[in-house]
Amino acid sequence: MTDEDQLTQNYTKKRLELEQEEDSLIAANHSGEQMIHETFDFIQRFAYDSSTSSEYEVIDRAKTELSRLEYEYNEKIEAEKKQVRQRQDDADREYKSAWRQ
């Protein structure tokens, strides 16, 4: 195997790993969003069954906290996806640089 073939093989392997990592993050994001929406729905159904104002206050706090957690979760997933994309860009640059040498 030539150096060029090895370089291409290594690059292809690294890109595939990074793309799989990104796909895993996307799947985790979808699963997380689904759980969050199911929890919101549960809270909403519970709210309709409640009749006291103190229960409504608890439900409102729970919804607020869930919204905050959803925001933090989405921020973390986006940061991880950004890191993966940066590593993909780095791999692309390294590959192109190696070919120029």
PDB file of N, CA and C in Angstrom:
ATOM      1  N   MET A   1       0.851  -1.170   0.000  1.00  0.00           N
ATOM      2  CA  MET A   1       0.000   0.000   0.000  1.00  0.00           C
ATOM      3  C   MET A   1       0.897   1.234   0.000  1.00  0.00           C
ATOM      4  N   THR A   2       0.567   2.159  -0.874  1.00  0.00           N
ATOM      5  CA  THR A   2       1.361   3.379  -0.969  1.00  0.00           C
ATOM      6  C   THR A   2       1.009   4.334   0.170  1.00  0.00           C
ATOM      7  N   ASP A   3       1.865   5.320   0.355  1.00  0.00           N
ATOM      8  CA  ASP A   3       1.604   6.333   1.381  1.00  0.00           C
ATOM      9  C   ASP A   3       0.293   7.066   1.100  1.00  0.00           C
ATOM     10  N   GLU A   4       0.037   7.344  -0.175  1.00  0.00           N
ATOM     11  CA  GLU A   4      -1.197   8.032  -0.550  1.00  0.00           C
ATOM     12  C   GLU A   4      -2.425   7.183  -0.218  1.00  0.00           C
ATOM     13  N   ASP A   5      -2.321   5.882  -0.505  1.00  0.00           N
ATOM     14  CA  ASP A   5      -3.433   4.981  -0.184  1.00  0.00           C
ATOM     15  C   ASP A   5      -3.673   4.930   1.320  1.00  0.00           C
ATOM     16  N   GLN A   6      -2.595   4.867   2.080  1.00  0.00           N
ATOM     17  CA  GLN A   6      -2.712   4.822   3.539  1.00  0.00           C
ATOM     18  C   GLN A   6      -3.316   6.119   4.067  1.00  0.00           C
ATOM     19  N   LEU A   7      -2.870   7.228   3.496  1.00  0.00           N
ATOM     20  CA  LEU A   7      -3.396   8.533   3.885  1.00  0.00           C
ATOM     21  C   LEU A   7      -4.904   8.602   3.617  1.00  0.00           C
ATOM     22  N   THR A   8      -5.303   8.174   2.438  1.00  0.00           N
ATOM     23  CA  THR A   8      -6.721   8.183   2.081  1.00  0.00           C
ATOM     24  C   THR A   8      -7.514   7.238   2.971  1.00  0.00           C
ATOM     25  N   GLN A   9      -6.981   6.078   3.235  1.00  0.00           N
ATOM     26  CA  GLN A   9      -7.665   5.109   4.090  1.00  0.00           C
ATOM     27  C   GLN A   9      -7.842   5.662   5.511  1.00  0.00           C
ATOM     28  N   ASN A  10      -6.793   6.259   6.055  1.00  0.00           N
ATOM     29  CA  ASN A  10      -6.872   6.840   7.405  1.00  0.00           C
ATOM     30  C   ASN A  10      -7.892   7.976   7.459  1.00  0.00           C
ATOM     31  N   TYR A  11      -7.862   8.822   6.438  1.00  0.00           N
ATOM     32  CA  TYR A  11      -8.802   9.942   6.377  1.00  0.00           C
ATOM     33  C   TYR A  11     -10.237   9.430   6.288  1.00  0.00           C
ATOM     34  N   THR A  12     -10.464   8.479   5.418  1.00  0.00           N
ATOM     35  CA  THR A  12     -11.811   7.925   5.242  1.00  0.00           C
ATOM     36  C   THR A  12     -12.313   7.302   6.534  1.00  0.00           C
ATOM     37  N   LYS A  13     -11.449   6.587   7.218  1.00  0.00           N
ATOM     38  CA  LYS A  13     -11.826   5.955   8.486  1.00  0.00           C
ATOM     39  C   LYS A  13     -12.185   7.015   9.527  1.00  0.00           C
ATOM     40  N   LYS A  14     -11.348   8.051   9.630  1.00  0.00           N
ATOM     41  CA  LYS A  14     -11.594   9.108  10.615  1.00  0.00           C
ATOM     42  C   LYS A  14     -12.895   9.845  10.306  1.00  0.00           C
ATOM     43  N   ARG A  15     -13.123  10.169   9.038  1.00  0.00           N
ATOM     44  CA  ARG A  15     -14.361  10.859   8.654  1.00  0.00           C
ATOM     45  C   ARG A  15     -15.581  10.007   8.973  1.00  0.00           C
ATOM     46  N   LEU A  16     -15.501   8.709   8.700  1.00  0.00           N
ATOM     47  CA  LEU A  16     -16.614   7.812   8.990  1.00  0.00           C
ATOM     48  C   LEU A  16     -16.904   7.778  10.486  1.00  0.00           C
ATOM     49  N   GLU A  17     -15.857   7.693  11.296  1.00  0.00           N
ATOM     50  CA  GLU A  17     -16.034   7.691  12.755  1.00  0.00           C
ATOM     51  C   GLU A  17     -16.693   8.988  13.226  1.00  0.00           C
ATOM     52  N   LEU A  18     -16.242  10.109  12.691  1.00  0.00           N
ATOM     53  CA  LEU A  18     -16.807  11.401  13.084  1.00  0.00           C
ATOM     54  C   LEU A  18     -18.249  11.549  12.608  1.00  0.00           C
ATOM     55  N   GLU A  19     -18.540  11.049  11.425  1.00  0.00           N
ATOM     56  CA  GLU A  19     -19.916  11.109  10.932  1.00  0.00           C
ATOM     57  C   GLU A  19     -20.830  10.227  11.776  1.00  0.00           C
ATOM     58  N   GLN A  20     -20.328   9.066  12.200  1.00  0.00           N
ATOM     59  CA  GLN A  20     -21.114   8.196  13.077  1.00  0.00           C
ATOM     60  C   GLN A  20     -21.341   8.857  14.435  1.00  0.00           C
ATOM     61  N   GLU A  21     -20.322   9.544  14.928  1.00  0.00           N
ATOM     62  CA  GLU A  21     -20.463  10.268  16.195  1.00  0.00           C
ATOM     63  C   GLU A  21     -21.519  11.366  16.067  1.00  0.00           C
ATOM     64  N   GLU A  22     -21.487  12.074  14.956  1.00  0.00           N
ATOM     65  CA  GLU A  22     -22.485  13.120  14.729  1.00  0.00           C
ATOM     66  C   GLU A  22     -23.887  12.510  14.623  1.00  0.00           C
ATOM     67  N   ASP A  23     -24.009  11.384  13.923  1.00  0.00           N
ATOM     68  CA  ASP A  23     -25.303  10.700  13.815  1.00  0.00           C
ATOM     69  C   ASP A  23     -25.811  10.279  15.189  1.00  0.00           C
ATOM     70  N   SER A  24     -24.910   9.816  16.050  1.00  0.00           N
ATOM     71  CA  SER A  24     -25.301   9.422  17.407  1.00  0.00           C
ATOM     72  C   SER A  24     -25.813  10.621  18.199  1.00  0.00           C
ATOM     73  N   LEU A  25     -25.155  11.758  18.034  1.00  0.00           N
ATOM     74  CA  LEU A  25     -25.607  12.976  18.713  1.00  0.00           C
ATOM     75  C   LEU A  25     -26.979  13.410  18.206  1.00  0.00           C
ATOM     76  N   ILE A  26     -27.189  13.294  16.913  1.00  0.00           N
ATOM     77  CA  ILE A  26     -28.486  13.661  16.347  1.00  0.00           C
ATOM     78  C   ILE A  26     -29.570  12.736  16.884  1.00  0.00           C
ATOM     79  N   ALA A  27     -29.274  11.433  16.946  1.00  0.00           N
ATOM     80  CA  ALA A  27     -30.244  10.470  17.487  1.00  0.00           C
ATOM     81  C   ALA A  27     -30.524  10.758  18.958  1.00  0.00           C
ATOM     82  N   ALA A  28     -29.473  11.059  19.718  1.00  0.00           N
ATOM     83  CA  ALA A  28     -29.653  11.380  21.139  1.00  0.00           C
ATOM     84  C   ALA A  28     -30.490  12.645  21.294  1.00  0.00           C
ATOM     85  N   ASN A  29     -30.258  13.604  20.424  1.00  0.00           N
ATOM     86  CA  ASN A  29     -31.029  14.843  20.467  1.00  0.00           C
ATOM     87  C   ASN A  29     -32.507  14.570  20.204  1.00  0.00           C
ATOM     88  N   HIS A  30     -32.793  13.749  19.204  1.00  0.00           N
ATOM     89  CA  HIS A  30     -34.192  13.415  18.906  1.00  0.00           C
ATOM     90  C   HIS A  30     -34.833  12.676  20.075  1.00  0.00           C
ATOM     91  N   SER A  31     -34.108  11.733  20.665  1.00  0.00           N
ATOM     92  CA  SER A  31     -34.643  10.988  21.812  1.00  0.00           C
ATOM     93  C   SER A  31     -34.903  11.919  22.989  1.00  0.00           C
ATOM     94  N   GLY A  32     -33.952  12.806  23.247  1.00  0.00           N
ATOM     95  CA  GLY A  32     -34.111  13.758  24.341  1.00  0.00           C
ATOM     96  C   GLY A  32     -35.296  14.677  24.126  1.00  0.00           C
ATOM     97  N   GLU A  33     -35.430  15.179  22.904  1.00  0.00           N
ATOM     98  CA  GLU A  33     -36.565  16.053  22.602  1.00  0.00           C
ATOM     99  C   GLU A  33     -37.885  15.310  22.765  1.00  0.00           C
ATOM    100  N   GLN A  34     -37.912  14.054  22.347  1.00  0.00           N
ATOM    101  CA  GLN A  34     -39.135  13.264  22.491  1.00  0.00           C
ATOM    102  C   GLN A  34     -39.487  13.087  23.968  1.00  0.00           C
ATOM    103  N   MET A  35     -38.488  12.775  24.797  1.00  0.00           N
ATOM    104  CA  MET A  35     -38.745  12.614  26.232  1.00  0.00           C
ATOM    105  C   MET A  35     -39.238  13.921  26.851  1.00  0.00           C
ATOM    106  N   ILE A  36     -38.639  15.023  26.446  1.00  0.00           N
ATOM    107  CA  ILE A  36     -39.042  16.325  26.976  1.00  0.00           C
ATOM    108  C   ILE A  36     -40.492  16.624  26.599  1.00  0.00           C
ATOM    109  N   HIS A  37     -40.846  16.380  25.345  1.00  0.00           N
ATOM    110  CA  HIS A  37     -42.222  16.649  24.910  1.00  0.00           C
ATOM    111  C   HIS A  37     -43.215  15.718  25.598  1.00  0.00           C
ATOM    112  N   GLU A  38     -42.832  14.468  25.799  1.00  0.00           N
ATOM    113  CA  GLU A  38     -43.709  13.542  26.519  1.00  0.00           C
ATOM    114  C   GLU A  38     -43.910  14.006  27.961  1.00  0.00           C
ATOM    115  N   THR A  39     -42.846  14.524  28.568  1.00  0.00           N
ATOM    116  CA  THR A  39     -42.948  15.026  29.937  1.00  0.00           C
ATOM    117  C   THR A  39     -43.833  16.267  29.990  1.00  0.00           C
ATOM    118  N   PHE A  40     -43.659  17.176  29.022  1.00  0.00           N
ATOM    119  CA  PHE A  40     -44.541  18.343  28.944  1.00  0.00           C
ATOM    120  C   PHE A  40     -45.999  17.907  28.816  1.00  0.00           C
ATOM    121  N   ASP A  41     -46.245  16.930  27.950  1.00  0.00           N
ATOM    122  CA  ASP A  41     -47.619  16.432  27.769  1.00  0.00           C
ATOM    123  C   ASP A  41     -48.165  15.852  29.066  1.00  0.00           C
ATOM    124  N   PHE A  42     -47.329  15.090  29.774  1.00  0.00           N
ATOM    125  CA  PHE A  42     -47.750  14.503  31.044  1.00  0.00           C
ATOM    126  C   PHE A  42     -48.109  15.603  32.041  1.00  0.00           C
ATOM    127  N   ILE A  43     -47.250  16.605  32.138  1.00  0.00           N
ATOM    128  CA  ILE A  43     -47.510  17.717  33.064  1.00  0.00           C
ATOM    129  C   ILE A  43     -48.804  18.423  32.676  1.00  0.00           C
ATOM    130  N   GLN A  44     -48.999  18.623  31.384  1.00  0.00           N
ATOM    131  CA  GLN A  44     -50.210  19.303  30.918  1.00  0.00           C
ATOM    132  C   GLN A  44     -51.457  18.492  31.261  1.00  0.00           C
ATOM    133  N   ARG A  45     -51.405  17.173  31.038  1.00  0.00           N
ATOM    134  CA  ARG A  45     -52.553  16.330  31.390  1.00  0.00           C
ATOM    135  C   ARG A  45     -52.798  16.368  32.892  1.00  0.00           C
ATOM    136  N   PHE A  46     -51.723  16.339  33.669  1.00  0.00           N
ATOM    137  CA  PHE A  46     -51.840  16.399  35.119  1.00  0.00           C
ATOM    138  C   PHE A  46     -52.470  17.723  35.541  1.00  0.00           C
ATOM    139  N   ALA A  47     -52.091  18.788  34.861  1.00  0.00           N
ATOM    140  CA  ALA A  47     -52.620  20.116  35.195  1.00  0.00           C
ATOM    141  C   ALA A  47     -54.128  20.168  34.993  1.00  0.00           C
ATOM    142  N   TYR A  48     -54.608  19.522  33.959  1.00  0.00           N
ATOM    143  CA  TYR A  48     -56.052  19.522  33.717  1.00  0.00           C
ATOM    144  C   TYR A  48     -56.804  18.741  34.786  1.00  0.00           C
ATOM    145  N   ASP A  49     -56.138  17.746  35.369  1.00  0.00           N
ATOM    146  CA  ASP A  49     -56.775  16.950  36.420  1.00  0.00           C
ATOM    147  C   ASP A  49     -56.721  17.642  37.780  1.00  0.00           C
ATOM    148  N   SER A  50     -55.866  18.642  37.919  1.00  0.00           N
ATOM    149  CA  SER A  50     -55.712  19.342  39.196  1.00  0.00           C
ATOM    150  C   SER A  50     -56.815  20.371  39.368  1.00  0.00           C
ATOM    151  N   SER A  51     -57.079  20.669  40.635  1.00  0.00           N
ATOM    152  CA  SER A  51     -58.141  21.650  40.856  1.00  0.00           C
ATOM    153  C   SER A  51     -57.738  22.761  41.815  1.00  0.00           C
ATOM    154  N   THR A  52     -56.605  22.610  42.518  1.00  0.00           N
ATOM    155  CA  THR A  52     -56.236  23.637  43.493  1.00  0.00           C
ATOM    156  C   THR A  52     -55.158  24.555  42.934  1.00  0.00           C
ATOM    157  N   SER A  53     -55.150  25.774  43.449  1.00  0.00           N
ATOM    158  CA  SER A  53     -54.167  26.745  42.968  1.00  0.00           C
ATOM    159  C   SER A  53     -52.751  26.347  43.363  1.00  0.00           C
ATOM    160  N   SER A  54     -52.573  25.706  44.512  1.00  0.00           N
ATOM    161  CA  SER A  54     -51.222  25.296  44.914  1.00  0.00           C
ATOM    162  C   SER A  54     -50.679  24.233  43.966  1.00  0.00           C
ATOM    163  N   GLU A  55     -51.541  23.365  43.472  1.00  0.00           N
ATOM    164  CA  GLU A  55     -51.099  22.367  42.498  1.00  0.00           C
ATOM    165  C   GLU A  55     -50.708  23.036  41.186  1.00  0.00           C
ATOM    166  N   TYR A  56     -51.451  24.066  40.786  1.00  0.00           N
ATOM    167  CA  TYR A  56     -51.100  24.798  39.572  1.00  0.00           C
ATOM    168  C   TYR A  56     -49.733  25.467  39.711  1.00  0.00           C
ATOM    169  N   GLU A  57     -49.442  25.992  40.886  1.00  0.00           N
ATOM    170  CA  GLU A  57     -48.136  26.616  41.122  1.00  0.00           C
ATOM    171  C   GLU A  57     -47.019  25.596  40.977  1.00  0.00           C
ATOM    172  N   VAL A  58     -47.220  24.414  41.535  1.00  0.00           N
ATOM    173  CA  VAL A  58     -46.212  23.351  41.428  1.00  0.00           C
ATOM    174  C   VAL A  58     -46.033  22.951  39.968  1.00  0.00           C
ATOM    175  N   ILE A  59     -47.126  22.833  39.268  1.00  0.00           N
ATOM    176  CA  ILE A  59     -47.069  22.457  37.855  1.00  0.00           C
ATOM    177  C   ILE A  59     -46.352  23.533  37.046  1.00  0.00           C
ATOM    178  N   ASP A  60     -46.652  24.791  37.319  1.00  0.00           N
ATOM    179  CA  ASP A  60     -45.967  25.883  36.620  1.00  0.00           C
ATOM    180  C   ASP A  60     -44.467  25.856  36.890  1.00  0.00           C
ATOM    181  N   ARG A  61     -44.092  25.602  38.130  1.00  0.00           N
ATOM    182  CA  ARG A  61     -42.662  25.509  38.453  1.00  0.00           C
ATOM    183  C   ARG A  61     -42.020  24.331  37.736  1.00  0.00           C
ATOM    184  N   ALA A  62     -42.735  23.211  37.685  1.00  0.00           N
ATOM    185  CA  ALA A  62     -42.204  22.033  36.992  1.00  0.00           C
ATOM    186  C   ALA A  62     -42.015  22.325  35.503  1.00  0.00           C
ATOM    187  N   LYS A  63     -42.975  23.001  34.899  1.00  0.00           N
ATOM    188  CA  LYS A  63     -42.863  23.349  33.484  1.00  0.00           C
ATOM    189  C   LYS A  63     -41.705  24.319  33.247  1.00  0.00           C
ATOM    190  N   THR A  64     -41.538  25.268  34.151  1.00  0.00           N
ATOM    191  CA  THR A  64     -40.430  26.215  34.033  1.00  0.00           C
ATOM    192  C   THR A  64     -39.091  25.497  34.146  1.00  0.00           C
ATOM    193  N   GLU A  65     -38.987  24.612  35.119  1.00  0.00           N
ATOM    194  CA  GLU A  65     -37.745  23.852  35.304  1.00  0.00           C
ATOM    195  C   GLU A  65     -37.478  22.955  34.100  1.00  0.00           C
ATOM    196  N   LEU A  66     -38.503  22.339  33.576  1.00  0.00           N
ATOM    197  CA  LEU A  66     -38.341  21.489  32.402  1.00  0.00           C
ATOM    198  C   LEU A  66     -37.884  22.310  31.201  1.00  0.00           C
ATOM    199  N   SER A  67     -38.404  23.496  31.051  1.00  0.00           N
ATOM    200  CA  SER A  67     -37.967  24.384  29.965  1.00  0.00           C
ATOM    201  C   SER A  67     -36.491  24.738  30.114  1.00  0.00           C
ATOM    202  N   ARG A  68     -36.081  25.013  31.341  1.00  0.00           N
ATOM    203  CA  ARG A  68     -34.674  25.338  31.591  1.00  0.00           C
ATOM    204  C   ARG A  68     -33.787  24.142  31.260  1.00  0.00           C
ATOM    205  N   LEU A  69     -34.204  22.961  31.695  1.00  0.00           N
ATOM    206  CA  LEU A  69     -33.429  21.750  31.422  1.00  0.00           C
ATOM    207  C   LEU A  69     -33.366  21.456  29.925  1.00  0.00           C
ATOM    208  N   GLU A  70     -34.471  21.706  29.236  1.00  0.00           N
ATOM    209  CA  GLU A  70     -34.491  21.502  27.786  1.00  0.00           C
ATOM    210  C   GLU A  70     -33.485  22.429  27.109  1.00  0.00           C
ATOM    211  N   TYR A  71     -33.446  23.683  27.539  1.00  0.00           N
ATOM    212  CA  TYR A  71     -32.504  24.643  26.975  1.00  0.00           C
ATOM    213  C   TYR A  71     -31.068  24.185  27.209  1.00  0.00           C
ATOM    214  N   GLU A  72     -30.756  23.797  28.437  1.00  0.00           N
ATOM    215  CA  GLU A  72     -29.404  23.340  28.760  1.00  0.00           C
ATOM    216  C   GLU A  72     -29.039  22.092  27.962  1.00  0.00           C
ATOM    217  N   TYR A  73     -29.985  21.176  27.838  1.00  0.00           N
ATOM    218  CA  TYR A  73     -29.754  19.950  27.079  1.00  0.00           C
ATOM    219  C   TYR A  73     -29.441  20.280  25.619  1.00  0.00           C
ATOM    220  N   ASN A  74     -30.258  21.129  25.026  1.00  0.00           N
ATOM    221  CA  ASN A  74     -30.038  21.506  23.630  1.00  0.00           C
ATOM    222  C   ASN A  74     -28.711  22.230  23.441  1.00  0.00           C
ATOM    223  N   GLU A  75     -28.353  23.081  24.386  1.00  0.00           N
ATOM    224  CA  GLU A  75     -27.068  23.780  24.310  1.00  0.00           C
ATOM    225  C   GLU A  75     -25.906  22.787  24.348  1.00  0.00           C
ATOM    226  N   LYS A  76     -26.004  21.805  25.222  1.00  0.00           N
ATOM    227  CA  LYS A  76     -24.935  20.811  25.339  1.00  0.00           C
ATOM    228  C   LYS A  76     -24.821  19.976  24.064  1.00  0.00           C
ATOM    229  N   ILE A  77     -25.941  19.533  23.525  1.00  0.00           N
ATOM    230  CA  ILE A  77     -25.919  18.750  22.288  1.00  0.00           C
ATOM    231  C   ILE A  77     -25.326  19.579  21.153  1.00  0.00           C
ATOM    232  N   GLU A  78     -25.740  20.827  21.043  1.00  0.00           N
ATOM    233  CA  GLU A  78     -25.219  21.698  19.983  1.00  0.00           C
ATOM    234  C   GLU A  78     -23.717  21.920  20.140  1.00  0.00           C
ATOM    235  N   ALA A  79     -23.251  22.089  21.369  1.00  0.00           N
ATOM    236  CA  ALA A  79     -21.815  22.269  21.604  1.00  0.00           C
ATOM    237  C   ALA A  79     -21.047  21.017  21.193  1.00  0.00           C
ATOM    238  N   GLU A  80     -21.586  19.854  21.506  1.00  0.00           N
ATOM    239  CA  GLU A  80     -20.923  18.605  21.126  1.00  0.00           C
ATOM    240  C   GLU A  80     -20.931  18.424  19.614  1.00  0.00           C
ATOM    241  N   LYS A  81     -22.042  18.771  18.961  1.00  0.00           N
ATOM    242  CA  LYS A  81     -22.093  18.677  17.503  1.00  0.00           C
ATOM    243  C   LYS A  81     -21.094  19.650  16.873  1.00  0.00           C
ATOM    244  N   LYS A  82     -20.957  20.824  17.468  1.00  0.00           N
ATOM    245  CA  LYS A  82     -19.999  21.806  16.956  1.00  0.00           C
ATOM    246  C   LYS A  82     -18.573  21.267  17.073  1.00  0.00           C
ATOM    247  N   GLN A  83     -18.270  20.605  18.179  1.00  0.00           N
ATOM    248  CA  GLN A  83     -16.945  20.012  18.352  1.00  0.00           C
ATOM    249  C   GLN A  83     -16.683  18.933  17.307  1.00  0.00           C
ATOM    250  N   VAL A  84     -17.681  18.114  17.040  1.00  0.00           N
ATOM    251  CA  VAL A  84     -17.523  17.062  16.033  1.00  0.00           C
ATOM    252  C   VAL A  84     -17.292  17.689  14.662  1.00  0.00           C
ATOM    253  N   ARG A  85     -18.079  18.707  14.319  1.00  0.00           N
ATOM    254  CA  ARG A  85     -17.893  19.372  13.031  1.00  0.00           C
ATOM    255  C   ARG A  85     -16.508  20.023  12.942  1.00  0.00           C
ATOM    256  N   GLN A  86     -16.024  20.564  14.057  1.00  0.00           N
ATOM    257  CA  GLN A  86     -14.687  21.158  14.059  1.00  0.00           C
ATOM    258  C   GLN A  86     -13.633  20.079  13.810  1.00  0.00           C
ATOM    259  N   ARG A  87     -13.815  18.919  14.443  1.00  0.00           N
ATOM    260  CA  ARG A  87     -12.871  17.818  14.221  1.00  0.00           C
ATOM    261  C   ARG A  87     -12.953  17.307  12.782  1.00  0.00           C
ATOM    262  N   GLN A  88     -14.144  17.354  12.186  1.00  0.00           N
ATOM    263  CA  GLN A  88     -14.273  16.985  10.775  1.00  0.00           C
ATOM    264  C   GLN A  88     -13.511  17.977   9.899  1.00  0.00           C
ATOM    265  N   ASP A  89     -13.676  19.258  10.179  1.00  0.00           N
ATOM    266  CA  ASP A  89     -12.949  20.286   9.431  1.00  0.00           C
ATOM    267  C   ASP A  89     -11.446  20.118   9.598  1.00  0.00           C
ATOM    268  N   ASP A  90     -11.011  19.829  10.823  1.00  0.00           N
ATOM    269  CA  ASP A  90      -9.583  19.606  11.078  1.00  0.00           C
ATOM    270  C   ASP A  90      -9.069  18.415  10.276  1.00  0.00           C
ATOM    271  N   ALA A  91      -9.854  17.343  10.243  1.00  0.00           N
ATOM    272  CA  ALA A  91      -9.455  16.155   9.485  1.00  0.00           C
ATOM    273  C   ALA A  91      -9.358  16.483   7.996  1.00  0.00           C
ATOM    274  N   ASP A  92     -10.298  17.266   7.497  1.00  0.00           N
ATOM    275  CA  ASP A  92     -10.260  17.677   6.089  1.00  0.00           C
ATOM    276  C   ASP A  92      -9.005  18.488   5.790  1.00  0.00           C
ATOM    277  N   ARG A  93      -8.701  19.452   6.664  1.00  0.00           N
ATOM    278  CA  ARG A  93      -7.509  20.289   6.463  1.00  0.00           C
ATOM    279  C   ARG A  93      -6.231  19.456   6.521  1.00  0.00           C
ATOM    280  N   GLU A  94      -6.149  18.552   7.493  1.00  0.00           N
ATOM    281  CA  GLU A  94      -4.964  17.702   7.617  1.00  0.00           C
ATOM    282  C   GLU A  94      -4.783  16.839   6.373  1.00  0.00           C
ATOM    283  N   TYR A  95      -5.867  16.303   5.879  1.00  0.00           N
ATOM    284  CA  TYR A  95      -5.815  15.455   4.689  1.00  0.00           C
ATOM    285  C   TYR A  95      -5.347  16.259   3.477  1.00  0.00           C
ATOM    286  N   LYS A  96      -5.937  17.429   3.276  1.00  0.00           N
ATOM    287  CA  LYS A  96      -5.547  18.270   2.141  1.00  0.00           C
ATOM    288  C   LYS A  96      -4.103  18.734   2.265  1.00  0.00           C
ATOM    289  N   SER A  97      -3.704  19.060   3.479  1.00  0.00           N
ATOM    290  CA  SER A  97      -2.328  19.494   3.714  1.00  0.00           C
ATOM    291  C   SER A  97      -1.343  18.365   3.427  1.00  0.00           C
ATOM    292  N   ALA A  98      -1.681  17.166   3.841  1.00  0.00           N
ATOM    293  CA  ALA A  98      -0.800  16.016   3.614  1.00  0.00           C
ATOM    294  C   ALA A  98      -0.675  15.722   2.121  1.00  0.00           C
ATOM    295  N   TRP A  99      -1.729  15.920   1.366  1.00  0.00           N
ATOM    296  CA  TRP A  99      -1.676  15.678  -0.074  1.00  0.00           C
ATOM    297  C   TRP A  99      -0.802  16.706  -0.783  1.00  0.00           C
ATOM    298  N   ARG A 100      -0.731  17.914  -0.247  1.00  0.00           N
ATOM    299  CA  ARG A 100       0.078  18.958  -0.874  1.00  0.00           C
ATOM    300  C   ARG A 100       1.566  18.761  -0.646  1.00  0.00           C
ATOM    301  N   GLN A 101       1.902  17.994   0.371  1.00  0.00           N
ATOM    302  CA  GLN A 101       3.330  17.819   0.699  1.00  0.00           C
ATOM    303  C   GLN A 101       3.995  16.807  -0.178  1.00  0.00           C
TER     304      GLN A 101
END
